[in-house]
PDB file of N, CA and C in Angstrom:
ATOM      1  N   MET A   1      39.947   7.183 -40.129  1.00  0.00           N
ATOM      2  CA  MET A   1      39.993   7.331 -38.690  1.00  0.00           C
ATOM      3  C   MET A   1      38.776   8.076 -38.176  1.00  0.00           C
ATOM      4  N   SER A   2      38.360   9.085 -38.873  1.00  0.00           N
ATOM      5  CA  SER A   2      37.193   9.860 -38.495  1.00  0.00           C
ATOM      6  C   SER A   2      35.939   8.994 -38.493  1.00  0.00           C
ATOM      7  N   GLU A   3      35.857   8.076 -39.452  1.00  0.00           N
ATOM      8  CA  GLU A   3      34.698   7.187 -39.541  1.00  0.00           C
ATOM      9  C   GLU A   3      34.645   6.246 -38.344  1.00  0.00           C
ATOM     10  N   SER A   4      35.782   5.747 -37.913  1.00  0.00           N
ATOM     11  CA  SER A   4      35.800   4.837 -36.770  1.00  0.00           C
ATOM     12  C   SER A   4      35.430   5.578 -35.488  1.00  0.00           C
ATOM     13  N   LEU A   5      35.840   6.840 -35.372  1.00  0.00           N
ATOM     14  CA  LEU A   5      35.454   7.634 -34.197  1.00  0.00           C
ATOM     15  C   LEU A   5      33.951   7.910 -34.198  1.00  0.00           C
ATOM     16  N   THR A   6      33.400   8.155 -35.345  1.00  0.00           N
ATOM     17  CA  THR A   6      31.961   8.412 -35.461  1.00  0.00           C
ATOM     18  C   THR A   6      31.155   7.172 -35.077  1.00  0.00           C
ATOM     19  N   SER A   7      31.592   6.021 -35.571  1.00  0.00           N
ATOM     20  CA  SER A   7      30.865   4.796 -35.252  1.00  0.00           C
ATOM     21  C   SER A   7      31.028   4.444 -33.767  1.00  0.00           C
ATOM     22  N   GLU A   8      32.191   4.719 -33.218  1.00  0.00           N
ATOM     23  CA  GLU A   8      32.398   4.461 -31.791  1.00  0.00           C
ATOM     24  C   GLU A   8      31.521   5.383 -30.943  1.00  0.00           C
ATOM     25  N   ALA A   9      31.421   6.644 -31.350  1.00  0.00           N
ATOM     26  CA  ALA A   9      30.565   7.592 -30.636  1.00  0.00           C
ATOM     27  C   ALA A   9      29.098   7.163 -30.740  1.00  0.00           C
ATOM     28  N   ALA A  10      28.703   6.677 -31.895  1.00  0.00           N
ATOM     29  CA  ALA A  10      27.331   6.204 -32.084  1.00  0.00           C
ATOM     30  C   ALA A  10      27.058   5.002 -31.179  1.00  0.00           C
ATOM     31  N   ARG A  11      28.027   4.117 -31.069  1.00  0.00           N
ATOM     32  CA  ARG A  11      27.889   2.949 -30.188  1.00  0.00           C
ATOM     33  C   ARG A  11      27.718   3.391 -28.727  1.00  0.00           C
ATOM     34  N   TYR A  12      28.494   4.364 -28.302  1.00  0.00           N
ATOM     35  CA  TYR A  12      28.385   4.861 -26.927  1.00  0.00           C
ATOM     36  C   TYR A  12      27.028   5.545 -26.684  1.00  0.00           C
ATOM     37  N   ARG A  13      26.558   6.298 -27.679  1.00  0.00           N
ATOM     38  CA  ARG A  13      25.252   6.947 -27.538  1.00  0.00           C
ATOM     39  C   ARG A  13      24.140   5.906 -27.439  1.00  0.00           C
ATOM     40  N   ARG A  14      24.223   4.849 -28.236  1.00  0.00           N
ATOM     41  CA  ARG A  14      23.236   3.772 -28.206  1.00  0.00           C
ATOM     42  C   ARG A  14      23.261   3.072 -26.839  1.00  0.00           C
ATOM     43  N   LYS A  15      24.459   2.795 -26.359  1.00  0.00           N
ATOM     44  CA  LYS A  15      24.612   2.152 -25.050  1.00  0.00           C
ATOM     45  C   LYS A  15      24.075   3.060 -23.940  1.00  0.00           C
ATOM     46  N   LEU A  16      24.344   4.349 -24.066  1.00  0.00           N
ATOM     47  CA  LEU A  16      23.849   5.311 -23.091  1.00  0.00           C
ATOM     48  C   LEU A  16      22.320   5.304 -23.062  1.00  0.00           C
ATOM     49  N   ARG A  17      21.660   5.297 -24.219  1.00  0.00           N
ATOM     50  CA  ARG A  17      20.195   5.252 -24.277  1.00  0.00           C
ATOM     51  C   ARG A  17      19.656   3.966 -23.648  1.00  0.00           C
ATOM     52  N   GLU A  18      20.331   2.849 -23.879  1.00  0.00           N
ATOM     53  CA  GLU A  18      19.908   1.574 -23.282  1.00  0.00           C
ATOM     54  C   GLU A  18      20.010   1.621 -21.755  1.00  0.00           C
ATOM     55  N   VAL A  19      21.110   2.171 -21.263  1.00  0.00           N
ATOM     56  CA  VAL A  19      21.323   2.256 -19.817  1.00  0.00           C
ATOM     57  C   VAL A  19      20.312   3.220 -19.192  1.00  0.00           C
ATOM     58  N   GLU A  20      20.042   4.336 -19.862  1.00  0.00           N
ATOM     59  CA  GLU A  20      19.050   5.278 -19.343  1.00  0.00           C
ATOM     60  C   GLU A  20      17.667   4.645 -19.298  1.00  0.00           C
ATOM     61  N   ALA A  21      17.304   3.874 -20.319  1.00  0.00           N
ATOM     62  CA  ALA A  21      16.003   3.195 -20.346  1.00  0.00           C
ATOM     63  C   ALA A  21      15.907   2.181 -19.215  1.00  0.00           C
ATOM     64  N   GLU A  22      16.977   1.449 -18.977  1.00  0.00           N
ATOM     65  CA  GLU A  22      17.002   0.475 -17.880  1.00  0.00           C
ATOM     66  C   GLU A  22      16.882   1.178 -16.531  1.00  0.00           C
ATOM     67  N   ARG A  23      17.570   2.307 -16.377  1.00  0.00           N
ATOM     68  CA  ARG A  23      17.497   3.081 -15.144  1.00  0.00           C
ATOM     69  C   ARG A  23      16.072   3.569 -14.900  1.00  0.00           C
ATOM     70  N   ASP A  24      15.423   4.070 -15.939  1.00  0.00           N
ATOM     71  CA  ASP A  24      14.050   4.554 -15.800  1.00  0.00           C
ATOM     72  C   ASP A  24      13.095   3.415 -15.460  1.00  0.00           C
ATOM     73  N   ARG A  25      13.291   2.241 -16.059  1.00  0.00           N
ATOM     74  CA  ARG A  25      12.453   1.087 -15.774  1.00  0.00           C
ATOM     75  C   ARG A  25      12.611   0.655 -14.319  1.00  0.00           C
ATOM     76  N   LEU A  26      13.847   0.616 -13.835  1.00  0.00           N
ATOM     77  CA  LEU A  26      14.099   0.223 -12.451  1.00  0.00           C
ATOM     78  C   LEU A  26      13.557   1.252 -11.457  1.00  0.00           C
ATOM     79  N   ALA A  27      13.670   2.530 -11.803  1.00  0.00           N
ATOM     80  CA  ALA A  27      13.132   3.575 -10.922  1.00  0.00           C
ATOM     81  C   ALA A  27      11.614   3.447 -10.815  1.00  0.00           C
ATOM     82  N   ALA A  28      10.952   3.162 -11.924  1.00  0.00           N
ATOM     83  CA  ALA A  28       9.498   2.973 -11.903  1.00  0.00           C
ATOM     84  C   ALA A  28       9.124   1.744 -11.085  1.00  0.00           C
ATOM     85  N   GLN A  29       9.917   0.694 -11.194  1.00  0.00           N
ATOM     86  CA  GLN A  29       9.653  -0.529 -10.442  1.00  0.00           C
ATOM     87  C   GLN A  29       9.813  -0.282  -8.934  1.00  0.00           C
ATOM     88  N   VAL A  30      10.831   0.450  -8.541  1.00  0.00           N
ATOM     89  CA  VAL A  30      11.035   0.776  -7.126  1.00  0.00           C
ATOM     90  C   VAL A  30       9.871   1.618  -6.615  1.00  0.00           C
ATOM     91  N   GLU A  31       9.412   2.575  -7.411  1.00  0.00           N
ATOM     92  CA  GLU A  31       8.277   3.405  -6.999  1.00  0.00           C
ATOM     93  C   GLU A  31       7.009   2.563  -6.821  1.00  0.00           C
ATOM     94  N   GLN A  32       6.790   1.592  -7.704  1.00  0.00           N
ATOM     95  CA  GLN A  32       5.632   0.700  -7.556  1.00  0.00           C
ATOM     96  C   GLN A  32       5.735  -0.113  -6.275  1.00  0.00           C
ATOM     97  N   LEU A  33       6.917  -0.595  -5.963  1.00  0.00           N
ATOM     98  CA  LEU A  33       7.106  -1.357  -4.730  1.00  0.00           C
ATOM     99  C   LEU A  33       6.866  -0.480  -3.498  1.00  0.00           C
ATOM    100  N   GLN A  34       7.378   0.737  -3.528  1.00  0.00           N
ATOM    101  CA  GLN A  34       7.166   1.659  -2.417  1.00  0.00           C
ATOM    102  C   GLN A  34       5.676   1.949  -2.247  1.00  0.00           C
ATOM    103  N   ARG A  35       5.003   2.195  -3.363  1.00  0.00           N
ATOM    104  CA  ARG A  35       3.567   2.485  -3.319  1.00  0.00           C
ATOM    105  C   ARG A  35       2.798   1.288  -2.755  1.00  0.00           C
ATOM    106  N   GLY A  36       3.191   0.078  -3.140  1.00  0.00           N
ATOM    107  CA  GLY A  36       2.537  -1.131  -2.628  1.00  0.00           C
ATOM    108  C   GLY A  36       2.704  -1.279  -1.128  1.00  0.00           C
ATOM    109  N   ILE A  37       3.888  -0.979  -0.624  1.00  0.00           N
ATOM    110  CA  ILE A  37       4.118  -1.058   0.823  1.00  0.00           C
ATOM    111  C   ILE A  37       3.277  -0.011   1.548  1.00  0.00           C
ATOM    112  N   VAL A  38       3.225   1.196   1.005  1.00  0.00           N
ATOM    113  CA  VAL A  38       2.421   2.254   1.625  1.00  0.00           C
ATOM    114  C   VAL A  38       0.946   1.854   1.620  1.00  0.00           C
ATOM    115  N   GLU A  39       0.460   1.293   0.523  1.00  0.00           N
ATOM    116  CA  GLU A  39      -0.941   0.855   0.466  1.00  0.00           C
ATOM    117  C   GLU A  39      -1.217  -0.226   1.508  1.00  0.00           C
ATOM    118  N   GLY A  40      -0.260  -1.115   1.708  1.00  0.00           N
ATOM    119  CA  GLY A  40      -0.424  -2.143   2.737  1.00  0.00           C
ATOM    120  C   GLY A  40      -0.505  -1.537   4.131  1.00  0.00           C
ATOM    121  N   LEU A  41       0.297  -0.529   4.395  1.00  0.00           N
ATOM    122  CA  LEU A  41       0.253   0.146   5.693  1.00  0.00           C
ATOM    123  C   LEU A  41      -1.053   0.920   5.869  1.00  0.00           C
ATOM    124  N   LEU A  42      -1.583   1.423   4.767  1.00  0.00           N
ATOM    125  CA  LEU A  42      -2.813   2.199   4.845  1.00  0.00           C
ATOM    126  C   LEU A  42      -4.041   1.333   5.086  1.00  0.00           C
ATOM    127  N   GLU A  43      -3.972   0.055   4.747  1.00  0.00           N
ATOM    128  CA  GLU A  43      -5.108  -0.838   4.994  1.00  0.00           C
ATOM    129  C   GLU A  43      -5.438  -0.883   6.485  1.00  0.00           C
ATOM    130  N   VAL A  44      -4.419  -0.857   7.313  1.00  0.00           N
ATOM    131  CA  VAL A  44      -4.625  -0.864   8.760  1.00  0.00           C
ATOM    132  C   VAL A  44      -5.302   0.425   9.202  1.00  0.00           C
ATOM    133  N   GLU A  45      -4.983   1.507   8.543  1.00  0.00           N
ATOM    134  CA  GLU A  45      -5.516   2.822   8.907  1.00  0.00           C
ATOM    135  C   GLU A  45      -6.869   3.105   8.261  1.00  0.00           C
ATOM    136  N   VAL A  46      -7.373   2.210   7.434  1.00  0.00           N
ATOM    137  CA  VAL A  46      -8.660   2.337   6.750  1.00  0.00           C
ATOM    138  C   VAL A  46      -8.709   3.596   5.886  1.00  0.00           C
ATOM    139  N   VAL A  47      -7.624   3.847   5.184  1.00  0.00           N
ATOM    140  CA  VAL A  47      -7.543   4.976   4.264  1.00  0.00           C
ATOM    141  C   VAL A  47      -6.853   4.466   3.005  1.00  0.00           C
ATOM    142  N   GLY A  48      -7.337   4.896   1.848  1.00  0.00           N
ATOM    143  CA  GLY A  48      -6.713   4.496   0.596  1.00  0.00           C
ATOM    144  C   GLY A  48      -5.661   5.489   0.139  1.00  0.00           C
ATOM    145  N   ILE A  49      -4.863   5.063  -0.798  1.00  0.00           N
ATOM    146  CA  ILE A  49      -3.798   5.933  -1.336  1.00  0.00           C
ATOM    147  C   ILE A  49      -4.398   7.146  -2.030  1.00  0.00           C
ATOM    148  N   ASP A  50      -5.615   6.993  -2.577  1.00  0.00           N
ATOM    149  CA  ASP A  50      -6.276   8.116  -3.236  1.00  0.00           C
ATOM    150  C   ASP A  50      -6.620   9.224  -2.238  1.00  0.00           C
ATOM    151  N   ALA A  51      -6.950   8.836  -1.005  1.00  0.00           N
ATOM    152  CA  ALA A  51      -7.241   9.834   0.025  1.00  0.00           C
ATOM    153  C   ALA A  51      -5.991  10.646   0.348  1.00  0.00           C
ATOM    154  N   LEU A  52      -4.854   9.981   0.381  1.00  0.00           N
ATOM    155  CA  LEU A  52      -3.606  10.716   0.628  1.00  0.00           C
ATOM    156  C   LEU A  52      -3.306  11.667  -0.524  1.00  0.00           C
ATOM    157  N   SER A  53      -3.530  11.190  -1.748  1.00  0.00           N
ATOM    158  CA  SER A  53      -3.290  12.039  -2.917  1.00  0.00           C
ATOM    159  C   SER A  53      -4.219  13.248  -2.905  1.00  0.00           C
ATOM    160  N   ALA A  54      -5.471  13.031  -2.474  1.00  0.00           N
ATOM    161  CA  ALA A  54      -6.446  14.125  -2.441  1.00  0.00           C
ATOM    162  C   ALA A  54      -6.054  15.204  -1.442  1.00  0.00           C
ATOM    163  N   THR A  55      -5.344  14.822  -0.398  1.00  0.00           N
ATOM    164  CA  THR A  55      -4.920  15.814   0.601  1.00  0.00           C
ATOM    165  C   THR A  55      -3.539  16.380   0.290  1.00  0.00           C
ATOM    166  N   GLY A  56      -2.948  15.957  -0.808  1.00  0.00           N
ATOM    167  CA  GLY A  56      -1.667  16.526  -1.236  1.00  0.00           C
ATOM    168  C   GLY A  56      -0.436  15.800  -0.733  1.00  0.00           C
ATOM    169  N   ALA A  57      -0.611  14.655  -0.108  1.00  0.00           N
ATOM    170  CA  ALA A  57       0.546  13.899   0.395  1.00  0.00           C
ATOM    171  C   ALA A  57       1.280  13.260  -0.785  1.00  0.00           C
ATOM    172  N   GLU A  58       2.569  13.408  -0.808  1.00  0.00           N
ATOM    173  CA  GLU A  58       3.418  12.844  -1.858  1.00  0.00           C
ATOM    174  C   GLU A  58       4.079  11.573  -1.343  1.00  0.00           C
ATOM    175  N   LEU A  59       4.295  10.623  -2.244  1.00  0.00           N
ATOM    176  CA  LEU A  59       4.953   9.376  -1.861  1.00  0.00           C
ATOM    177  C   LEU A  59       6.343   9.647  -1.302  1.00  0.00           C
ATOM    178  N   ALA A  60       7.062  10.561  -1.909  1.00  0.00           N
ATOM    179  CA  ALA A  60       8.431  10.868  -1.466  1.00  0.00           C
ATOM    180  C   ALA A  60       8.462  11.381  -0.021  1.00  0.00           C
ATOM    181  N   ALA A  61       7.398  12.055   0.408  1.00  0.00           N
ATOM    182  CA  ALA A  61       7.349  12.587   1.773  1.00  0.00           C
ATOM    183  C   ALA A  61       7.110  11.487   2.803  1.00  0.00           C
ATOM    184  N   LEU A  62       6.677  10.307   2.344  1.00  0.00           N
ATOM    185  CA  LEU A  62       6.377   9.207   3.262  1.00  0.00           C
ATOM    186  C   LEU A  62       7.542   8.227   3.403  1.00  0.00           C
ATOM    187  N   LEU A  63       8.664   8.553   2.769  1.00  0.00           N
ATOM    188  CA  LEU A  63       9.825   7.658   2.788  1.00  0.00           C
ATOM    189  C   LEU A  63      10.858   8.133   3.803  1.00  0.00           C
ATOM    190  N   ASP A  64      11.640   7.170   4.315  1.00  0.00           N
ATOM    191  CA  ASP A  64      12.725   7.534   5.230  1.00  0.00           C
ATOM    192  C   ASP A  64      13.986   7.850   4.422  1.00  0.00           C
ATOM    193  N   ASP A  65      15.097   8.011   5.107  1.00  0.00           N
ATOM    194  CA  ASP A  65      16.351   8.377   4.441  1.00  0.00           C
ATOM    195  C   ASP A  65      16.866   7.294   3.491  1.00  0.00           C
ATOM    196  N   ASN A  66      16.462   6.047   3.725  1.00  0.00           N
ATOM    197  CA  ASN A  66      16.907   4.941   2.874  1.00  0.00           C
ATOM    198  C   ASN A  66      15.966   4.667   1.709  1.00  0.00           C
ATOM    199  N   GLY A  67      14.893   5.455   1.587  1.00  0.00           N
ATOM    200  CA  GLY A  67      13.951   5.259   0.499  1.00  0.00           C
ATOM    201  C   GLY A  67      12.864   4.242   0.803  1.00  0.00           C
ATOM    202  N   LEU A  68      12.777   3.816   2.059  1.00  0.00           N
ATOM    203  CA  LEU A  68      11.736   2.865   2.467  1.00  0.00           C
ATOM    204  C   LEU A  68      10.577   3.620   3.103  1.00  0.00           C
ATOM    205  N   PRO A  69       9.347   3.129   2.941  1.00  0.00           N
ATOM    206  CA  PRO A  69       8.213   3.800   3.571  1.00  0.00           C
ATOM    207  C   PRO A  69       8.372   3.839   5.094  1.00  0.00           C
ATOM    208  N   ASP A  70       8.167   5.007   5.671  1.00  0.00           N
ATOM    209  CA  ASP A  70       8.276   5.218   7.114  1.00  0.00           C
ATOM    210  C   ASP A  70       6.889   5.017   7.726  1.00  0.00           C
ATOM    211  N   THR A  71       6.764   4.045   8.614  1.00  0.00           N
ATOM    212  CA  THR A  71       5.477   3.686   9.205  1.00  0.00           C
ATOM    213  C   THR A  71       4.843   4.875   9.925  1.00  0.00           C
ATOM    214  N   HIS A  72       5.622   5.626  10.663  1.00  0.00           N
ATOM    215  CA  HIS A  72       5.087   6.751  11.422  1.00  0.00           C
ATOM    216  C   HIS A  72       4.592   7.861  10.501  1.00  0.00           C
ATOM    217  N   LYS A  73       5.334   8.131   9.442  1.00  0.00           N
ATOM    218  CA  LYS A  73       4.910   9.163   8.485  1.00  0.00           C
ATOM    219  C   LYS A  73       3.628   8.740   7.767  1.00  0.00           C
ATOM    220  N   VAL A  74       3.533   7.468   7.403  1.00  0.00           N
ATOM    221  CA  VAL A  74       2.333   6.968   6.721  1.00  0.00           C
ATOM    222  C   VAL A  74       1.137   7.046   7.664  1.00  0.00           C
ATOM    223  N   ARG A  75       1.320   6.633   8.910  1.00  0.00           N
ATOM    224  CA  ARG A  75       0.232   6.680   9.893  1.00  0.00           C
ATOM    225  C   ARG A  75      -0.241   8.115  10.102  1.00  0.00           C
ATOM    226  N   GLN A  76       0.699   9.041  10.229  1.00  0.00           N
ATOM    227  CA  GLN A  76       0.342  10.452  10.435  1.00  0.00           C
ATOM    228  C   GLN A  76      -0.374  11.013   9.216  1.00  0.00           C
ATOM    229  N   ALA A  77       0.104  10.681   8.016  1.00  0.00           N
ATOM    230  CA  ALA A  77      -0.549  11.150   6.794  1.00  0.00           C
ATOM    231  C   ALA A  77      -1.962  10.581   6.680  1.00  0.00           C
ATOM    232  N   ALA A  78      -2.150   9.330   7.106  1.00  0.00           N
ATOM    233  CA  ALA A  78      -3.482   8.712   7.070  1.00  0.00           C
ATOM    234  C   ALA A  78      -4.413   9.418   8.052  1.00  0.00           C
ATOM    235  N   GLN A  79      -3.918   9.733   9.240  1.00  0.00           N
ATOM    236  CA  GLN A  79      -4.751  10.437  10.225  1.00  0.00           C
ATOM    237  C   GLN A  79      -5.109  11.831   9.728  1.00  0.00           C
ATOM    238  N   ASP A  80      -4.156  12.502   9.099  1.00  0.00           N
ATOM    239  CA  ASP A  80      -4.423  13.831   8.539  1.00  0.00           C
ATOM    240  C   ASP A  80      -5.465  13.747   7.429  1.00  0.00           C
ATOM    241  N   ALA A  81      -5.352  12.718   6.575  1.00  0.00           N
ATOM    242  CA  ALA A  81      -6.312  12.556   5.482  1.00  0.00           C
ATOM    243  C   ALA A  81      -7.703  12.253   6.019  1.00  0.00           C
ATOM    244  N   ARG A  82      -7.771  11.405   7.044  1.00  0.00           N
ATOM    245  CA  ARG A  82      -9.071  11.096   7.651  1.00  0.00           C
ATOM    246  C   ARG A  82      -9.716  12.356   8.218  1.00  0.00           C
ATOM    247  N   ALA A  83      -8.921  13.162   8.899  1.00  0.00           N
ATOM    248  CA  ALA A  83      -9.449  14.393   9.495  1.00  0.00           C
ATOM    249  C   ALA A  83      -9.887  15.383   8.413  1.00  0.00           C
ATOM    250  N   ALA A  84      -9.073  15.530   7.371  1.00  0.00           N
ATOM    251  CA  ALA A  84      -9.379  16.498   6.315  1.00  0.00           C
ATOM    252  C   ALA A  84     -10.580  16.083   5.473  1.00  0.00           C
ATOM    253  N   LEU A  85     -10.726  14.787   5.236  1.00  0.00           N
ATOM    254  CA  LEU A  85     -11.795  14.310   4.356  1.00  0.00           C
ATOM    255  C   LEU A  85     -13.007  13.768   5.115  1.00  0.00           C
ATOM    256  N   GLY A  86     -12.942  13.751   6.428  1.00  0.00           N
ATOM    257  CA  GLY A  86     -14.067  13.270   7.226  1.00  0.00           C
ATOM    258  C   GLY A  86     -14.277  11.765   7.149  1.00  0.00           C
ATOM    259  N   ILE A  87     -13.199  11.032   6.981  1.00  0.00           N
ATOM    260  CA  ILE A  87     -13.279   9.565   6.907  1.00  0.00           C
ATOM    261  C   ILE A  87     -13.243   9.012   8.323  1.00  0.00           C
ATOM    262  N   PRO A  88     -14.222   8.174   8.703  1.00  0.00           N
ATOM    263  CA  PRO A  88     -14.182   7.617  10.051  1.00  0.00           C
ATOM    264  C   PRO A  88     -13.005   6.668  10.227  1.00  0.00           C
ATOM    265  N   GLY A  89     -12.532   6.577  11.445  1.00  0.00           N
ATOM    266  CA  GLY A  89     -11.395   5.708  11.752  1.00  0.00           C
ATOM    267  C   GLY A  89     -11.796   4.247  11.823  1.00  0.00           C
ATOM    268  N   PRO A  90     -10.825   3.387  12.100  1.00  0.00           N
ATOM    269  CA  PRO A  90     -11.116   1.961  12.227  1.00  0.00           C
ATOM    270  C   PRO A  90     -12.112   1.725  13.360  1.00  0.00           C
ATOM    271  N   LEU A  91     -12.984   0.767  13.169  1.00  0.00           N
ATOM    272  CA  LEU A  91     -13.978   0.440  14.183  1.00  0.00           C
ATOM    273  C   LEU A  91     -13.340  -0.389  15.293  1.00  0.00           C
ATOM    274  N   TYR A  92     -13.793  -0.150  16.497  1.00  0.00           N
ATOM    275  CA  TYR A  92     -13.331  -0.933  17.637  1.00  0.00           C
ATOM    276  C   TYR A  92     -14.434  -1.929  17.984  1.00  0.00           C
ATOM    277  N   VAL A  93     -14.098  -3.191  17.908  1.00  0.00           N
ATOM    278  CA  VAL A  93     -15.044  -4.253  18.246  1.00  0.00           C
ATOM    279  C   VAL A  93     -14.438  -5.018  19.413  1.00  0.00           C
ATOM    280  N   PRO A  94     -14.998  -4.844  20.623  1.00  0.00           N
ATOM    281  CA  PRO A  94     -14.359  -5.421  21.809  1.00  0.00           C
ATOM    282  C   PRO A  94     -14.255  -6.942  21.790  1.00  0.00           C
ATOM    283  N   GLN A  95     -15.213  -7.632  21.236  1.00  0.00           N
ATOM    284  CA  GLN A  95     -15.208  -9.093  21.262  1.00  0.00           C
ATOM    285  C   GLN A  95     -14.614  -9.706  19.984  1.00  0.00           C
ATOM    286  N   GLU A  96     -14.051  -8.894  19.123  1.00  0.00           N
ATOM    287  CA  GLU A  96     -13.524  -9.401  17.866  1.00  0.00           C
ATOM    288  C   GLU A  96     -12.411 -10.414  18.107  1.00  0.00           C
ATOM    289  N   GLY A  97     -12.521 -11.553  17.449  1.00  0.00           N
ATOM    290  CA  GLY A  97     -11.502 -12.582  17.556  1.00  0.00           C
ATOM    291  C   GLY A  97     -11.698 -13.546  18.704  1.00  0.00           C
ATOM    292  N   ARG A  98     -12.657 -13.293  19.541  1.00  0.00           N
ATOM    293  CA  ARG A  98     -12.915 -14.210  20.657  1.00  0.00           C
ATOM    294  C   ARG A  98     -13.970 -15.221  20.253  1.00  0.00           C
ATOM    295  N   TRP A  99     -13.761 -16.449  20.654  1.00  0.00           N
ATOM    296  CA  TRP A  99     -14.706 -17.516  20.342  1.00  0.00           C
ATOM    297  C   TRP A  99     -15.578 -17.759  21.548  1.00  0.00           C
ATOM    298  N   THR A 100     -16.857 -17.685  21.324  1.00  0.00           N
ATOM    299  CA  THR A 100     -17.810 -17.952  22.395  1.00  0.00           C
ATOM    300  C   THR A 100     -18.503 -19.267  22.086  1.00  0.00           C
ATOM    301  N   PRO A 101     -18.319 -20.274  22.927  1.00  0.00           N
ATOM    302  CA  PRO A 101     -18.975 -21.546  22.642  1.00  0.00           C
ATOM    303  C   PRO A 101     -20.489 -21.398  22.781  1.00  0.00           C
ATOM    304  N   LEU A 102     -21.181 -21.855  21.786  1.00  0.00           N
ATOM    305  CA  LEU A 102     -22.634 -21.789  21.800  1.00  0.00           C
ATOM    306  C   LEU A 102     -23.173 -23.183  22.102  1.00  0.00           C
ATOM    307  N   THR A 103     -23.914 -23.282  23.142  1.00  0.00           N
ATOM    308  CA  THR A 103     -24.545 -24.566  23.465  1.00  0.00           C
ATOM    309  C   THR A 103     -26.026 -24.409  23.167  1.00  0.00           C
ATOM    310  N   PRO A 104     -26.504 -25.114  22.185  1.00  0.00           N
ATOM    311  CA  PRO A 104     -27.916 -24.956  21.837  1.00  0.00           C
ATOM    312  C   PRO A 104     -28.804 -25.492  22.952  1.00  0.00           C
ATOM    313  N   ARG A 105     -29.827 -24.740  23.215  1.00  0.00           N
ATOM    314  CA  ARG A 105     -30.778 -25.171  24.239  1.00  0.00           C
ATOM    315  C   ARG A 105     -31.660 -26.285  23.702  1.00  0.00           C
ATOM    316  N   ARG A 106     -31.873 -26.234  22.420  1.00  0.00           N
ATOM    317  CA  ARG A 106     -32.683 -27.267  21.784  1.00  0.00           C
ATOM    318  C   ARG A 106     -31.893 -27.835  20.611  1.00  0.00           C
ATOM    319  N   THR A 107     -32.146 -29.077  20.362  1.00  0.00           N
ATOM    320  CA  THR A 107     -31.520 -29.712  19.208  1.00  0.00           C
ATOM    321  C   THR A 107     -32.564 -29.837  18.108  1.00  0.00           C
ATOM    322  N   PHE A 108     -32.145 -30.230  16.951  1.00  0.00           N
ATOM    323  CA  PHE A 108     -33.065 -30.368  15.829  1.00  0.00           C
ATOM    324  C   PHE A 108     -34.168 -31.387  16.125  1.00  0.00           C
ATOM    325  N   PRO A 109     -33.841 -32.562  16.650  1.00  0.00           N
ATOM    326  CA  PRO A 109     -34.922 -33.521  16.960  1.00  0.00           C
ATOM    327  C   PRO A 109     -35.895 -32.993  18.011  1.00  0.00           C
ATOM    328  N   ASP A 110     -35.413 -32.098  18.895  1.00  0.00           N
ATOM    329  CA  ASP A 110     -36.304 -31.536  19.909  1.00  0.00           C
ATOM    330  C   ASP A 110     -37.425 -30.706  19.278  1.00  0.00           C
ATOM    331  N   ALA A 111     -37.187 -30.180  18.118  1.00  0.00           N
ATOM    332  CA  ALA A 111     -38.194 -29.356  17.470  1.00  0.00           C
ATOM    333  C   ALA A 111     -39.403 -30.177  17.064  1.00  0.00           C
ATOM    334  N   PHE A 112     -39.241 -31.475  16.893  1.00  0.00           N
ATOM    335  CA  PHE A 112     -40.349 -32.323  16.449  1.00  0.00           C
ATOM    336  C   PHE A 112     -40.973 -33.148  17.572  1.00  0.00           C
ATOM    337  N   LYS A 113     -40.477 -32.999  18.750  1.00  0.00           N
ATOM    338  CA  LYS A 113     -41.059 -33.712  19.897  1.00  0.00           C
ATOM    339  C   LYS A 113     -42.351 -33.029  20.319  1.00  0.00           C
ATOM    340  N   GLU A 114     -43.216 -33.782  20.958  1.00  0.00           N
ATOM    341  CA  GLU A 114     -44.450 -33.206  21.457  1.00  0.00           C
ATOM    342  C   GLU A 114     -44.139 -32.287  22.622  1.00  0.00           C
ATOM    343  N   LYS A 115     -44.872 -31.216  22.671  1.00  0.00           N
ATOM    344  CA  LYS A 115     -44.694 -30.277  23.784  1.00  0.00           C
ATOM    345  C   LYS A 115     -45.450 -30.799  24.986  1.00  0.00           C
ATOM    346  N   ARG A 116     -44.934 -30.645  26.131  1.00  0.00           N
ATOM    347  CA  ARG A 116     -45.588 -31.136  27.362  1.00  0.00           C
ATOM    348  C   ARG A 116     -46.197 -30.041  28.119  1.00  0.00           C
TER     349      ARG A 116
END
């Protein structure tokens, strides 16, 4: 009877180690996903995740109560990092995205015509 209890305890310990390993793997995967979302939000702010790390910002501090990255916290952390590290903000280009039709004054064949 003692032998069967020992083997049963060993089975439970083995199962426990497997479950703990799976839990750790899933926790790491969730952290990678969170980090990826934060990096995507930082692209808009023109700041990298390394800049946040350099200013002491932790990933956990950028998450909301549900464990999802909070846009406002990420934006604020990016602005703080830019200010602390002297990183310029996003450039403002007033005509960006607008199409201006270009009408050439001269065409290619016009270049070979005699000048008058």
